[in-house]
C-alpha atoms as a PDB file:
ATOM      1  CA  MET A   1     161.787 -54.139 178.858  1.00  0.00           C
ATOM      2  CA  LEU A   2     160.409 -50.938 177.346  1.00  0.00           C
ATOM      3  CA  HIS A   3     156.620 -50.592 177.082  1.00  0.00           C
ATOM      4  CA  GLU A   4     154.511 -48.167 175.060  1.00  0.00           C
ATOM      5  CA  ILE A   5     151.197 -46.639 176.041  1.00  0.00           C
ATOM      6  CA  SER A   6     149.091 -45.172 173.239  1.00  0.00           C
ATOM      7  CA  VAL A   7     147.072 -42.101 174.144  1.00  0.00           C
ATOM      8  CA  GLN A   8     144.419 -40.385 172.035  1.00  0.00           C
ATOM      9  CA  SER A   9     143.579 -36.861 173.120  1.00  0.00           C
ATOM     10  CA  CYS A  10     140.272 -35.236 172.194  1.00  0.00           C
ATOM     11  CA  LYS A  11     141.011 -31.597 173.061  1.00  0.00           C
ATOM     12  CA  ARG A  12     143.831 -29.097 172.656  1.00  0.00           C
ATOM     13  CA  ASP A  13     144.514 -29.198 176.414  1.00  0.00           C
ATOM     14  CA  GLU A  14     143.663 -32.362 178.300  1.00  0.00           C
ATOM     15  CA  MET A  15     144.837 -34.510 181.203  1.00  0.00           C
ATOM     16  CA  ILE A  16     144.437 -38.246 180.601  1.00  0.00           C
ATOM     17  CA  ASN A  17     144.765 -40.635 183.541  1.00  0.00           C
ATOM     18  CA  ILE A  18     147.158 -43.450 182.588  1.00  0.00           C
ATOM     19  CA  THR A  19     147.646 -44.901 186.087  1.00  0.00           C
ATOM     20  CA  GLY A  20     145.776 -48.109 185.305  1.00  0.00           C
ATOM     21  CA  GLN A  21     147.799 -48.716 182.151  1.00  0.00           C
ATOM     22  CA  VAL A  22     151.077 -48.268 184.039  1.00  0.00           C
ATOM     23  CA  GLN A  23     149.884 -50.588 186.823  1.00  0.00           C
ATOM     24  CA  LYS A  24     148.995 -53.265 184.216  1.00  0.00           C
ATOM     25  CA  ILE A  25     152.569 -53.097 182.921  1.00  0.00           C
ATOM     26  CA  VAL A  26     153.889 -53.566 186.468  1.00  0.00           C
ATOM     27  CA  ALA A  27     151.600 -56.573 186.926  1.00  0.00           C
ATOM     28  CA  LYS A  28     152.519 -58.032 183.512  1.00  0.00           C
ATOM     29  CA  GLU A  29     156.212 -57.922 184.427  1.00  0.00           C
ATOM     30  CA  ASN A  30     155.405 -59.347 187.876  1.00  0.00           C
ATOM     31  CA  VAL A  31     157.584 -56.720 189.554  1.00  0.00           C
ATOM     32  CA  GLN A  32     157.352 -56.619 193.344  1.00  0.00           C
ATOM     33  CA  GLU A  33     159.964 -53.946 194.104  1.00  0.00           C
ATOM     34  CA  GLY A  34     161.461 -51.323 191.820  1.00  0.00           C
ATOM     35  CA  LEU A  35     160.703 -48.165 189.870  1.00  0.00           C
ATOM     36  CA  ALA A  36     158.421 -47.261 186.987  1.00  0.00           C
ATOM     37  CA  VAL A  37     159.714 -44.427 184.805  1.00  0.00           C
ATOM     38  CA  VAL A  38     156.978 -42.870 182.658  1.00  0.00           C
ATOM     39  CA  PHE A  39     158.343 -40.747 179.810  1.00  0.00           C
ATOM     40  CA  CYS A  40     156.691 -38.574 177.170  1.00  0.00           C
ATOM     41  CA  ALA A  41     158.727 -38.169 173.968  1.00  0.00           C
ATOM     42  CA  HIS A  42     156.761 -35.152 172.724  1.00  0.00           C
ATOM     43  CA  THR A  43     157.650 -31.457 172.990  1.00  0.00           C
ATOM     44  CA  THR A  44     154.030 -30.336 173.413  1.00  0.00           C
ATOM     45  CA  ALA A  45     152.883 -32.836 176.048  1.00  0.00           C
ATOM     46  CA  GLY A  46     154.040 -33.956 179.481  1.00  0.00           C
ATOM     47  CA  ILE A  47     153.623 -36.328 182.421  1.00  0.00           C
ATOM     48  CA  THR A  48     152.508 -35.314 185.903  1.00  0.00           C
ATOM     49  CA  ILE A  49     151.291 -36.895 189.126  1.00  0.00           C
ATOM     50  CA  ASN A  50     148.256 -35.139 190.497  1.00  0.00           C
ATOM     51  CA  GLU A  51     144.909 -35.614 192.203  1.00  0.00           C
ATOM     52  CA  ASN A  52     142.622 -38.171 190.625  1.00  0.00           C
ATOM     53  CA  ALA A  53     139.547 -37.833 192.864  1.00  0.00           C
ATOM     54  CA  ASP A  54     138.078 -34.476 191.844  1.00  0.00           C
ATOM     55  CA  PRO A  55     137.976 -33.710 188.086  1.00  0.00           C
ATOM     56  CA  ASP A  56     137.878 -29.988 188.897  1.00  0.00           C
ATOM     57  CA  VAL A  57     141.565 -30.240 189.827  1.00  0.00           C
ATOM     58  CA  GLN A  58     142.425 -31.082 186.211  1.00  0.00           C
ATOM     59  CA  LYS A  59     140.173 -28.280 184.931  1.00  0.00           C
ATOM     60  CA  ASP A  60     141.806 -25.777 187.295  1.00  0.00           C
ATOM     61  CA  PHE A  61     145.293 -27.069 186.426  1.00  0.00           C
ATOM     62  CA  LEU A  62     144.734 -26.540 182.702  1.00  0.00           C
ATOM     63  CA  ARG A  63     142.985 -23.198 183.193  1.00  0.00           C
ATOM     64  CA  ARG A  64     145.841 -21.848 185.306  1.00  0.00           C
ATOM     65  CA  LEU A  65     148.425 -22.979 182.738  1.00  0.00           C
ATOM     66  CA  ASP A  66     146.381 -21.117 180.105  1.00  0.00           C
ATOM     67  CA  GLU A  67     146.531 -17.990 182.290  1.00  0.00           C
ATOM     68  CA  ILE A  68     150.309 -18.246 182.540  1.00  0.00           C
ATOM     69  CA  TYR A  69     150.847 -19.273 178.896  1.00  0.00           C
ATOM     70  CA  PRO A  70     148.074 -17.784 176.724  1.00  0.00           C
ATOM     71  CA  TRP A  71     147.650 -19.509 173.368  1.00  0.00           C
ATOM     72  CA  ASN A  72     147.581 -16.395 171.168  1.00  0.00           C
ATOM     73  CA  MET A  73     150.451 -14.015 171.744  1.00  0.00           C
ATOM     74  CA  ALA A  74     151.301 -11.682 168.867  1.00  0.00           C
ATOM     75  CA  GLU A  75     154.955 -11.604 169.980  1.00  0.00           C
ATOM     76  CA  ASP A  76     155.440 -15.391 169.616  1.00  0.00           C
ATOM     77  CA  ARG A  77     157.599 -16.195 166.590  1.00  0.00           C
ATOM     78  CA  HIS A  78     157.287 -19.987 166.331  1.00  0.00           C
ATOM     79  CA  PHE A  79     155.785 -20.590 162.884  1.00  0.00           C
ATOM     80  CA  GLU A  80     153.495 -23.427 164.076  1.00  0.00           C
ATOM     81  CA  GLY A  81     151.781 -21.070 166.523  1.00  0.00           C
ATOM     82  CA  ASN A  82     151.997 -23.490 169.438  1.00  0.00           C
ATOM     83  CA  SER A  83     154.586 -21.833 171.670  1.00  0.00           C
ATOM     84  CA  ALA A  84     152.173 -22.036 174.611  1.00  0.00           C
ATOM     85  CA  ALA A  85     152.119 -25.832 174.265  1.00  0.00           C
ATOM     86  CA  HIS A  86     155.935 -25.986 174.328  1.00  0.00           C
ATOM     87  CA  LEU A  87     156.054 -23.809 177.451  1.00  0.00           C
ATOM     88  CA  LYS A  88     153.414 -25.898 179.235  1.00  0.00           C
ATOM     89  CA  SER A  89     155.289 -29.089 178.350  1.00  0.00           C
ATOM     90  CA  SER A  90     158.551 -27.730 179.764  1.00  0.00           C
ATOM     91  CA  THR A  91     156.790 -26.548 182.918  1.00  0.00           C
ATOM     92  CA  VAL A  92     155.078 -29.892 183.584  1.00  0.00           C
ATOM     93  CA  GLY A  93     158.049 -32.006 182.529  1.00  0.00           C
ATOM     94  CA  ALA A  94     158.600 -35.006 180.311  1.00  0.00           C
ATOM     95  CA  SER A  95     158.697 -37.786 182.917  1.00  0.00           C
ATOM     96  CA  GLN A  96     157.794 -39.059 186.361  1.00  0.00           C
ATOM     97  CA  THR A  97     159.301 -41.873 188.409  1.00  0.00           C
ATOM     98  CA  VAL A  98     157.066 -43.929 190.697  1.00  0.00           C
ATOM     99  CA  ILE A  99     158.193 -46.446 193.318  1.00  0.00           C
ATOM    100  CA  ILE A 100     156.841 -49.986 192.962  1.00  0.00           C
ATOM    101  CA  HIS A 101     156.287 -51.664 196.337  1.00  0.00           C
ATOM    102  CA  LYS A 102     154.696 -55.083 196.878  1.00  0.00           C
ATOM    103  CA  GLY A 103     153.684 -55.198 193.210  1.00  0.00           C
ATOM    104  CA  LYS A 104     151.802 -51.878 193.236  1.00  0.00           C
ATOM    105  CA  LEU A 105     152.592 -48.322 192.223  1.00  0.00           C
ATOM    106  CA  LEU A 106     153.321 -46.430 195.425  1.00  0.00           C
ATOM    107  CA  LEU A 107     150.999 -43.468 194.976  1.00  0.00           C
ATOM    108  CA  GLY A 108     149.068 -41.482 197.536  1.00  0.00           C
ATOM    109  CA  GLN A 109     145.373 -42.198 198.026  1.00  0.00           C
ATOM    110  CA  TRP A 110     144.327 -39.365 195.724  1.00  0.00           C
ATOM    111  CA  GLN A 111     147.220 -39.474 193.236  1.00  0.00           C
ATOM    112  CA  GLY A 112     147.185 -40.561 189.615  1.00  0.00           C
ATOM    113  CA  ILE A 113     149.641 -40.452 186.716  1.00  0.00           C
ATOM    114  CA  TYR A 114     148.487 -38.140 183.935  1.00  0.00           C
ATOM    115  CA  PHE A 115     149.489 -37.709 180.332  1.00  0.00           C
ATOM    116  CA  CYS A 116     149.098 -33.965 179.730  1.00  0.00           C
ATOM    117  CA  GLU A 117     148.170 -32.962 176.186  1.00  0.00           C
ATOM    118  CA  PHE A 118     148.857 -29.334 175.255  1.00  0.00           C
ATOM    119  CA  ASP A 119     148.555 -29.385 171.445  1.00  0.00           C
ATOM    120  CA  GLY A 120     145.770 -31.806 170.598  1.00  0.00           C
ATOM    121  CA  PRO A 121     143.795 -33.549 169.586  1.00  0.00           C
ATOM    122  CA  ARG A 122     146.449 -36.070 168.616  1.00  0.00           C
ATOM    123  CA  ALA A 123     147.482 -39.701 168.831  1.00  0.00           C
ATOM    124  CA  ARG A 124     150.448 -39.875 171.194  1.00  0.00           C
ATOM    125  CA  THR A 125     152.759 -42.423 172.722  1.00  0.00           C
ATOM    126  CA  CYS A 126     154.420 -42.482 176.099  1.00  0.00           C
ATOM    127  CA  PHE A 127     156.950 -44.997 177.318  1.00  0.00           C
ATOM    128  CA  VAL A 128     157.252 -46.955 180.546  1.00  0.00           C
ATOM    129  CA  LYS A 129     160.512 -48.494 181.705  1.00  0.00           C
ATOM    130  CA  ILE A 130     160.429 -50.774 184.724  1.00  0.00           C
ATOM    131  CA  ILE A 131     163.584 -50.931 186.802  1.00  0.00           C
ATOM    132  CA  TRP A 132     163.399 -53.749 189.295  1.00  0.00           C
ATOM    133  CA  HIS A 133     165.474 -55.696 191.749  1.00  0.00           C
ATOM    134  CA  ASN A 134     164.832 -58.811 193.796  1.00  0.00           C
END
């Protein structure tokens, strides 16, 4: 079954922790062993797994992406003016796959699943597909 997670960003660049929402889907489907594929169907957003203990990690992550892909570049030709968001999205990637073991997402102690907004604020949707076996 395919599940949707609605995400509302508040800033142009933002990392939103969706780990709990993905875990609720795993619990709802009562999956003990399998995979959770989290996919972002947007060209200016992405999905990453990163540290969820220190919020400075997210701030540094976004700041460093801004250093690599500055928002205002006179040479950019894309008429919407959001080429930086497209580059960030491609760098981060559109999906992550997480192992489900004993009914829980198999993440490290400090890991979380993040929806990465690069062209907000916007209402977004990401998808979760559970692949399981008994």
